[in-house]
Amino acid sequence: MESKPYRNKEIMKVPRFEESARFYTTPTRSKNMAKIAGKNSFPELKLRKALWAKNIRFRIHPKDFPGKPDLIINKYRLAIFVDGDF
């Protein structure tokens, strides 16, 4: 099959990756991402305290599970992933 040429011959405008255009440079992006907690975040701690108060026992951050869940409850064969908002 032969491809058809574009009808509109305008040049596509690509945004520039500059801080003025709200794109962060590598050091700034690195600094922002370093502040994000991967473990023991506030929502995760609140959930763990609530589960413990209800006598639901769990394991935190198991290494041998696929997907690396935040909590697992062996009794119910349940894996819990707590997604924080940043």
PDB file of N, CA and C in Angstrom:
ATOM      1  N   MET A   1       0.831  -1.198   0.000  1.00  0.00           N
ATOM      2  CA  MET A   1       0.000   0.000   0.000  1.00  0.00           C
ATOM      3  C   MET A   1       0.867   1.250   0.000  1.00  0.00           C
ATOM      4  N   GLU A   2       0.433   2.199  -0.736  1.00  0.00           N
ATOM      5  CA  GLU A   2       1.148   3.457  -0.819  1.00  0.00           C
ATOM      6  C   GLU A   2       0.542   4.448   0.178  1.00  0.00           C
ATOM      7  N   SER A   3       1.399   5.120   0.951  1.00  0.00           N
ATOM      8  CA  SER A   3       0.881   6.076   1.927  1.00  0.00           C
ATOM      9  C   SER A   3       0.552   7.400   1.232  1.00  0.00           C
ATOM     10  N   LYS A   4      -0.488   8.040   1.732  1.00  0.00           N
ATOM     11  CA  LYS A   4      -0.920   9.310   1.152  1.00  0.00           C
ATOM     12  C   LYS A   4      -0.151  10.456   1.805  1.00  0.00           C
ATOM     13  N   PRO A   5       0.199  11.462   1.050  1.00  0.00           N
ATOM     14  CA  PRO A   5       0.887  12.618   1.641  1.00  0.00           C
ATOM     15  C   PRO A   5      -0.095  13.423   2.505  1.00  0.00           C
ATOM     16  N   TYR A   6       0.460  14.145   3.472  1.00  0.00           N
ATOM     17  CA  TYR A   6      -0.378  14.978   4.331  1.00  0.00           C
ATOM     18  C   TYR A   6      -1.014  16.094   3.520  1.00  0.00           C
ATOM     19  N   ARG A   7      -2.263  16.359   3.835  1.00  0.00           N
ATOM     20  CA  ARG A   7      -2.954  17.441   3.130  1.00  0.00           C
ATOM     21  C   ARG A   7      -2.523  18.794   3.676  1.00  0.00           C
ATOM     22  N   ASN A   8      -2.382  18.873   4.993  1.00  0.00           N
ATOM     23  CA  ASN A   8      -1.977  20.119   5.623  1.00  0.00           C
ATOM     24  C   ASN A   8      -0.464  20.104   5.778  1.00  0.00           C
ATOM     25  N   LYS A   9       0.215  21.016   5.139  1.00  0.00           N
ATOM     26  CA  LYS A   9       1.672  20.995   5.133  1.00  0.00           C
ATOM     27  C   LYS A   9       2.279  21.906   6.190  1.00  0.00           C
ATOM     28  N   GLU A  10       1.516  22.216   7.257  1.00  0.00           N
ATOM     29  CA  GLU A  10       2.065  23.031   8.332  1.00  0.00           C
ATOM     30  C   GLU A  10       3.068  22.214   9.131  1.00  0.00           C
ATOM     31  N   ILE A  11       4.051  22.882   9.631  1.00  0.00           N
ATOM     32  CA  ILE A  11       5.070  22.216  10.424  1.00  0.00           C
ATOM     33  C   ILE A  11       4.541  22.029  11.845  1.00  0.00           C
ATOM     34  N   MET A  12       4.737  20.817  12.360  1.00  0.00           N
ATOM     35  CA  MET A  12       4.286  20.518  13.711  1.00  0.00           C
ATOM     36  C   MET A  12       5.181  21.251  14.706  1.00  0.00           C
ATOM     37  N   LYS A  13       4.570  21.926  15.691  1.00  0.00           N
ATOM     38  CA  LYS A  13       5.327  22.657  16.688  1.00  0.00           C
ATOM     39  C   LYS A  13       5.563  21.754  17.900  1.00  0.00           C
ATOM     40  N   VAL A  14       6.815  21.600  18.270  1.00  0.00           N
ATOM     41  CA  VAL A  14       7.200  20.774  19.405  1.00  0.00           C
ATOM     42  C   VAL A  14       7.553  21.705  20.549  1.00  0.00           C
ATOM     43  N   PRO A  15       6.998  21.455  21.760  1.00  0.00           N
ATOM     44  CA  PRO A  15       7.315  22.349  22.879  1.00  0.00           C
ATOM     45  C   PRO A  15       8.779  22.221  23.294  1.00  0.00           C
ATOM     46  N   ARG A  16       9.341  23.317  23.710  1.00  0.00           N
ATOM     47  CA  ARG A  16      10.719  23.330  24.198  1.00  0.00           C
ATOM     48  C   ARG A  16      10.712  22.914  25.666  1.00  0.00           C
ATOM     49  N   PHE A  17      11.677  22.141  26.047  1.00  0.00           N
ATOM     50  CA  PHE A  17      11.757  21.673  27.423  1.00  0.00           C
ATOM     51  C   PHE A  17      12.550  22.672  28.249  1.00  0.00           C
ATOM     52  N   GLU A  18      11.854  23.709  28.681  1.00  0.00           N
ATOM     53  CA  GLU A  18      12.464  24.766  29.467  1.00  0.00           C
ATOM     54  C   GLU A  18      11.640  24.978  30.725  1.00  0.00           C
ATOM     55  N   GLU A  19      12.265  25.519  31.757  1.00  0.00           N
ATOM     56  CA  GLU A  19      11.547  25.760  33.003  1.00  0.00           C
ATOM     57  C   GLU A  19      10.444  26.790  32.811  1.00  0.00           C
ATOM     58  N   SER A  20      10.627  27.725  31.899  1.00  0.00           N
ATOM     59  CA  SER A  20       9.600  28.732  31.660  1.00  0.00           C
ATOM     60  C   SER A  20       8.332  28.109  31.069  1.00  0.00           C
ATOM     61  N   ALA A  21       8.473  26.967  30.402  1.00  0.00           N
ATOM     62  CA  ALA A  21       7.327  26.267  29.839  1.00  0.00           C
ATOM     63  C   ALA A  21       6.813  25.172  30.790  1.00  0.00           C
ATOM     64  N   ARG A  22       7.220  25.252  32.064  1.00  0.00           N
ATOM     65  CA  ARG A  22       6.843  24.304  33.119  1.00  0.00           C
ATOM     66  C   ARG A  22       7.415  22.909  32.899  1.00  0.00           C
ATOM     67  N   PHE A  23       8.494  22.813  32.195  1.00  0.00           N
ATOM     68  CA  PHE A  23       9.257  21.570  32.090  1.00  0.00           C
ATOM     69  C   PHE A  23      10.482  21.769  32.964  1.00  0.00           C
ATOM     70  N   TYR A  24      10.745  20.820  33.817  1.00  0.00           N
ATOM     71  CA  TYR A  24      11.843  20.981  34.746  1.00  0.00           C
ATOM     72  C   TYR A  24      13.116  20.345  34.205  1.00  0.00           C
ATOM     73  N   THR A  25      14.223  20.996  34.492  1.00  0.00           N
ATOM     74  CA  THR A  25      15.512  20.465  34.079  1.00  0.00           C
ATOM     75  C   THR A  25      15.880  19.298  34.987  1.00  0.00           C
ATOM     76  N   THR A  26      16.885  18.564  34.646  1.00  0.00           N
ATOM     77  CA  THR A  26      17.254  17.350  35.370  1.00  0.00           C
ATOM     78  C   THR A  26      17.544  17.590  36.851  1.00  0.00           C
ATOM     79  N   PRO A  27      18.339  18.582  37.257  1.00  0.00           N
ATOM     80  CA  PRO A  27      18.574  18.768  38.696  1.00  0.00           C
ATOM     81  C   PRO A  27      17.304  19.129  39.463  1.00  0.00           C
ATOM     82  N   THR A  28      16.455  19.954  38.870  1.00  0.00           N
ATOM     83  CA  THR A  28      15.208  20.334  39.539  1.00  0.00           C
ATOM     84  C   THR A  28      14.280  19.142  39.643  1.00  0.00           C
ATOM     85  N   ARG A  29      14.142  18.371  38.583  1.00  0.00           N
ATOM     86  CA  ARG A  29      13.304  17.167  38.585  1.00  0.00           C
ATOM     87  C   ARG A  29      13.830  16.167  39.614  1.00  0.00           C
ATOM     88  N   SER A  30      15.132  16.003  39.670  1.00  0.00           N
ATOM     89  CA  SER A  30      15.737  15.075  40.617  1.00  0.00           C
ATOM     90  C   SER A  30      15.448  15.493  42.052  1.00  0.00           C
ATOM     91  N   LYS A  31      15.524  16.782  42.317  1.00  0.00           N
ATOM     92  CA  LYS A  31      15.246  17.295  43.665  1.00  0.00           C
ATOM     93  C   LYS A  31      13.786  17.050  44.048  1.00  0.00           C
ATOM     94  N   ASN A  32      12.858  17.285  43.118  1.00  0.00           N
ATOM     95  CA  ASN A  32      11.438  17.053  43.386  1.00  0.00           C
ATOM     96  C   ASN A  32      11.148  15.581  43.637  1.00  0.00           C
ATOM     97  N   MET A  33      11.719  14.707  42.815  1.00  0.00           N
ATOM     98  CA  MET A  33      11.452  13.278  42.935  1.00  0.00           C
ATOM     99  C   MET A  33      12.084  12.693  44.199  1.00  0.00           C
ATOM    100  N   ALA A  34      13.183  13.270  44.665  1.00  0.00           N
ATOM    101  CA  ALA A  34      13.836  12.777  45.878  1.00  0.00           C
ATOM    102  C   ALA A  34      12.981  13.007  47.117  1.00  0.00           C
ATOM    103  N   LYS A  35      12.092  13.988  47.074  1.00  0.00           N
ATOM    104  CA  LYS A  35      11.231  14.291  48.214  1.00  0.00           C
ATOM    105  C   LYS A  35      10.062  13.318  48.356  1.00  0.00           C
ATOM    106  N   ILE A  36       9.792  12.538  47.317  1.00  0.00           N
ATOM    107  CA  ILE A  36       8.649  11.637  47.333  1.00  0.00           C
ATOM    108  C   ILE A  36       9.027  10.356  48.059  1.00  0.00           C
ATOM    109  N   ALA A  37       8.283  10.047  49.104  1.00  0.00           N
ATOM    110  CA  ALA A  37       8.566   8.850  49.901  1.00  0.00           C
ATOM    111  C   ALA A  37       8.023   7.608  49.198  1.00  0.00           C
ATOM    112  N   GLY A  38       8.842   6.577  49.122  1.00  0.00           N
ATOM    113  CA  GLY A  38       8.412   5.327  48.500  1.00  0.00           C
ATOM    114  C   GLY A  38       7.824   4.361  49.510  1.00  0.00           C
ATOM    115  N   LYS A  39       8.248   4.484  50.761  1.00  0.00           N
ATOM    116  CA  LYS A  39       7.779   3.603  51.825  1.00  0.00           C
ATOM    117  C   LYS A  39       7.415   4.446  53.037  1.00  0.00           C
ATOM    118  N   ASN A  40       6.531   3.894  53.870  1.00  0.00           N
ATOM    119  CA  ASN A  40       6.130   4.524  55.129  1.00  0.00           C
ATOM    120  C   ASN A  40       5.571   5.929  54.925  1.00  0.00           C
ATOM    121  N   SER A  41       4.765   6.100  53.906  1.00  0.00           N
ATOM    122  CA  SER A  41       4.127   7.387  53.659  1.00  0.00           C
ATOM    123  C   SER A  41       2.978   7.584  54.654  1.00  0.00           C
ATOM    124  N   PHE A  42       2.488   8.785  54.734  1.00  0.00           N
ATOM    125  CA  PHE A  42       1.428   9.109  55.690  1.00  0.00           C
ATOM    126  C   PHE A  42       0.174   8.249  55.490  1.00  0.00           C
ATOM    127  N   PRO A  43      -0.355   8.106  54.253  1.00  0.00           N
ATOM    128  CA  PRO A  43      -1.543   7.259  54.079  1.00  0.00           C
ATOM    129  C   PRO A  43      -1.276   5.794  54.461  1.00  0.00           C
ATOM    130  N   GLU A  44      -0.080   5.327  54.171  1.00  0.00           N
ATOM    131  CA  GLU A  44       0.261   3.939  54.508  1.00  0.00           C
ATOM    132  C   GLU A  44       0.310   3.747  56.028  1.00  0.00           C
ATOM    133  N   LEU A  45       0.888   4.690  56.743  1.00  0.00           N
ATOM    134  CA  LEU A  45       0.963   4.591  58.201  1.00  0.00           C
ATOM    135  C   LEU A  45      -0.423   4.626  58.830  1.00  0.00           C
ATOM    136  N   LYS A  46      -1.297   5.468  58.302  1.00  0.00           N
ATOM    137  CA  LYS A  46      -2.672   5.541  58.825  1.00  0.00           C
ATOM    138  C   LYS A  46      -3.400   4.213  58.624  1.00  0.00           C
ATOM    139  N   LEU A  47      -3.247   3.601  57.453  1.00  0.00           N
ATOM    140  CA  LEU A  47      -3.875   2.314  57.182  1.00  0.00           C
ATOM    141  C   LEU A  47      -3.317   1.240  58.101  1.00  0.00           C
ATOM    142  N   ARG A  48      -2.004   1.219  58.289  1.00  0.00           N
ATOM    143  CA  ARG A  48      -1.394   0.224  59.156  1.00  0.00           C
ATOM    144  C   ARG A  48      -1.879   0.351  60.592  1.00  0.00           C
ATOM    145  N   LYS A  49      -1.998   1.572  61.088  1.00  0.00           N
ATOM    146  CA  LYS A  49      -2.499   1.783  62.455  1.00  0.00           C
ATOM    147  C   LYS A  49      -3.945   1.316  62.598  1.00  0.00           C
ATOM    148  N   ALA A  50      -4.764   1.583  61.580  1.00  0.00           N
ATOM    149  CA  ALA A  50      -6.170   1.170  61.625  1.00  0.00           C
ATOM    150  C   ALA A  50      -6.298  -0.349  61.587  1.00  0.00           C
ATOM    151  N   LEU A  51      -5.513  -1.009  60.748  1.00  0.00           N
ATOM    152  CA  LEU A  51      -5.555  -2.469  60.675  1.00  0.00           C
ATOM    153  C   LEU A  51      -5.074  -3.096  61.984  1.00  0.00           C
ATOM    154  N   TRP A  52      -4.019  -2.558  62.557  1.00  0.00           N
ATOM    155  CA  TRP A  52      -3.468  -3.095  63.801  1.00  0.00           C
ATOM    156  C   TRP A  52      -4.467  -2.926  64.947  1.00  0.00           C
ATOM    157  N   ALA A  53      -5.181  -1.800  64.962  1.00  0.00           N
ATOM    158  CA  ALA A  53      -6.188  -1.560  66.005  1.00  0.00           C
ATOM    159  C   ALA A  53      -7.346  -2.548  65.904  1.00  0.00           C
ATOM    160  N   LYS A  54      -7.622  -3.047  64.691  1.00  0.00           N
ATOM    161  CA  LYS A  54      -8.695  -4.031  64.484  1.00  0.00           C
ATOM    162  C   LYS A  54      -8.183  -5.469  64.607  1.00  0.00           C
ATOM    163  N   ASN A  55      -6.961  -5.634  65.120  1.00  0.00           N
ATOM    164  CA  ASN A  55      -6.328  -6.943  65.284  1.00  0.00           C
ATOM    165  C   ASN A  55      -6.137  -7.690  63.974  1.00  0.00           C
ATOM    166  N   ILE A  56      -5.910  -6.969  62.904  1.00  0.00           N
ATOM    167  CA  ILE A  56      -5.589  -7.588  61.621  1.00  0.00           C
ATOM    168  C   ILE A  56      -4.079  -7.498  61.465  1.00  0.00           C
ATOM    169  N   ARG A  57      -3.431  -8.644  61.477  1.00  0.00           N
ATOM    170  CA  ARG A  57      -1.974  -8.688  61.416  1.00  0.00           C
ATOM    171  C   ARG A  57      -1.508  -8.773  59.970  1.00  0.00           C
ATOM    172  N   PHE A  58      -0.396  -8.157  59.670  1.00  0.00           N
ATOM    173  CA  PHE A  58       0.078  -8.028  58.298  1.00  0.00           C
ATOM    174  C   PHE A  58       1.585  -8.005  58.267  1.00  0.00           C
ATOM    175  N   ARG A  59       2.138  -8.096  57.094  1.00  0.00           N
ATOM    176  CA  ARG A  59       3.561  -7.926  56.842  1.00  0.00           C
ATOM    177  C   ARG A  59       3.732  -6.699  55.954  1.00  0.00           C
ATOM    178  N   ILE A  60       4.818  -5.967  56.178  1.00  0.00           N
ATOM    179  CA  ILE A  60       5.036  -4.753  55.383  1.00  0.00           C
ATOM    180  C   ILE A  60       6.200  -4.951  54.425  1.00  0.00           C
ATOM    181  N   HIS A  61       6.065  -4.434  53.243  1.00  0.00           N
ATOM    182  CA  HIS A  61       7.085  -4.400  52.192  1.00  0.00           C
ATOM    183  C   HIS A  61       7.803  -5.730  51.992  1.00  0.00           C
ATOM    184  N   PRO A  62       7.057  -6.801  51.693  1.00  0.00           N
ATOM    185  CA  PRO A  62       7.728  -8.090  51.477  1.00  0.00           C
ATOM    186  C   PRO A  62       8.565  -8.064  50.197  1.00  0.00           C
ATOM    187  N   LYS A  63       9.726  -8.669  50.258  1.00  0.00           N
ATOM    188  CA  LYS A  63      10.652  -8.635  49.122  1.00  0.00           C
ATOM    189  C   LYS A  63      10.337  -9.706  48.075  1.00  0.00           C
ATOM    190  N   ASP A  64       9.682 -10.785  48.491  1.00  0.00           N
ATOM    191  CA  ASP A  64       9.519 -11.942  47.604  1.00  0.00           C
ATOM    192  C   ASP A  64       8.175 -11.994  46.888  1.00  0.00           C
ATOM    193  N   PHE A  65       7.426 -10.900  46.883  1.00  0.00           N
ATOM    194  CA  PHE A  65       6.141 -10.872  46.199  1.00  0.00           C
ATOM    195  C   PHE A  65       6.252 -10.069  44.909  1.00  0.00           C
ATOM    196  N   PRO A  66       5.567 -10.512  43.859  1.00  0.00           N
ATOM    197  CA  PRO A  66       5.615  -9.734  42.616  1.00  0.00           C
ATOM    198  C   PRO A  66       4.877  -8.406  42.765  1.00  0.00           C
ATOM    199  N   GLY A  67       5.435  -7.364  42.233  1.00  0.00           N
ATOM    200  CA  GLY A  67       4.808  -6.049  42.296  1.00  0.00           C
ATOM    201  C   GLY A  67       5.161  -5.258  43.532  1.00  0.00           C
ATOM    202  N   LYS A  68       5.826  -5.850  44.497  1.00  0.00           N
ATOM    203  CA  LYS A  68       6.230  -5.206  45.749  1.00  0.00           C
ATOM    204  C   LYS A  68       5.069  -4.481  46.435  1.00  0.00           C
ATOM    205  N   PRO A  69       4.097  -5.216  46.974  1.00  0.00           N
ATOM    206  CA  PRO A  69       2.979  -4.559  47.667  1.00  0.00           C
ATOM    207  C   PRO A  69       3.447  -3.895  48.958  1.00  0.00           C
ATOM    208  N   ASP A  70       2.666  -2.925  49.440  1.00  0.00           N
ATOM    209  CA  ASP A  70       3.003  -2.242  50.682  1.00  0.00           C
ATOM    210  C   ASP A  70       2.675  -3.110  51.887  1.00  0.00           C
ATOM    211  N   LEU A  71       1.562  -3.807  51.832  1.00  0.00           N
ATOM    212  CA  LEU A  71       1.139  -4.685  52.929  1.00  0.00           C
ATOM    213  C   LEU A  71       0.644  -6.003  52.360  1.00  0.00           C
ATOM    214  N   ILE A  72       0.843  -7.081  53.119  1.00  0.00           N
ATOM    215  CA  ILE A  72       0.186  -8.338  52.773  1.00  0.00           C
ATOM    216  C   ILE A  72      -0.451  -8.893  54.029  1.00  0.00           C
ATOM    217  N   ILE A  73      -1.628  -9.466  53.868  1.00  0.00           N
ATOM    218  CA  ILE A  73      -2.333 -10.125  54.963  1.00  0.00           C
ATOM    219  C   ILE A  73      -2.415 -11.597  54.586  1.00  0.00           C
ATOM    220  N   ASN A  74      -1.567 -12.402  55.212  1.00  0.00           N
ATOM    221  CA  ASN A  74      -1.470 -13.817  54.857  1.00  0.00           C
ATOM    222  C   ASN A  74      -2.774 -14.566  55.129  1.00  0.00           C
ATOM    223  N   LYS A  75      -3.456 -14.219  56.202  1.00  0.00           N
ATOM    224  CA  LYS A  75      -4.695 -14.918  56.590  1.00  0.00           C
ATOM    225  C   LYS A  75      -5.740 -14.862  55.479  1.00  0.00           C
ATOM    226  N   TYR A  76      -5.825 -13.737  54.808  1.00  0.00           N
ATOM    227  CA  TYR A  76      -6.826 -13.548  53.759  1.00  0.00           C
ATOM    228  C   TYR A  76      -6.225 -13.633  52.352  1.00  0.00           C
ATOM    229  N   ARG A  77      -4.931 -13.942  52.269  1.00  0.00           N
ATOM    230  CA  ARG A  77      -4.231 -14.000  50.982  1.00  0.00           C
ATOM    231  C   ARG A  77      -4.466 -12.707  50.184  1.00  0.00           C
ATOM    232  N   LEU A  78      -4.148 -11.591  50.831  1.00  0.00           N
ATOM    233  CA  LEU A  78      -4.473 -10.269  50.315  1.00  0.00           C
ATOM    234  C   LEU A  78      -3.206  -9.418  50.220  1.00  0.00           C
ATOM    235  N   ALA A  79      -3.015  -8.782  49.091  1.00  0.00           N
ATOM    236  CA  ALA A  79      -1.918  -7.828  48.904  1.00  0.00           C
ATOM    237  C   ALA A  79      -2.521  -6.438  48.752  1.00  0.00           C
ATOM    238  N   ILE A  80      -1.953  -5.471  49.446  1.00  0.00           N
ATOM    239  CA  ILE A  80      -2.484  -4.107  49.437  1.00  0.00           C
ATOM    240  C   ILE A  80      -1.399  -3.158  48.935  1.00  0.00           C
ATOM    241  N   PHE A  81      -1.772  -2.338  47.960  1.00  0.00           N
ATOM    242  CA  PHE A  81      -0.896  -1.303  47.432  1.00  0.00           C
ATOM    243  C   PHE A  81      -1.492   0.051  47.821  1.00  0.00           C
ATOM    244  N   VAL A  82      -0.730   0.874  48.533  1.00  0.00           N
ATOM    245  CA  VAL A  82      -1.190   2.191  48.944  1.00  0.00           C
ATOM    246  C   VAL A  82      -0.564   3.208  48.012  1.00  0.00           C
ATOM    247  N   ASP A  83      -1.393   3.865  47.200  1.00  0.00           N
ATOM    248  CA  ASP A  83      -0.901   4.871  46.264  1.00  0.00           C
ATOM    249  C   ASP A  83      -1.055   6.243  46.896  1.00  0.00           C
ATOM    250  N   GLY A  84       0.062   6.910  47.079  1.00  0.00           N
ATOM    251  CA  GLY A  84       0.026   8.255  47.601  1.00  0.00           C
ATOM    252  C   GLY A  84      -0.169   9.251  46.479  1.00  0.00           C
ATOM    253  N   ASP A  85      -0.459  10.489  46.844  1.00  0.00           N
ATOM    254  CA  ASP A  85      -0.659  11.539  45.865  1.00  0.00           C
ATOM    255  C   ASP A  85       0.443  12.569  46.064  1.00  0.00           C
ATOM    256  N   PHE A  86       1.148  12.910  45.007  1.00  0.00           N
ATOM    257  CA  PHE A  86       2.209  13.898  45.145  1.00  0.00           C
ATOM    258  C   PHE A  86       2.088  14.943  44.069  1.00  0.00           C
TER     259      PHE A  86
END
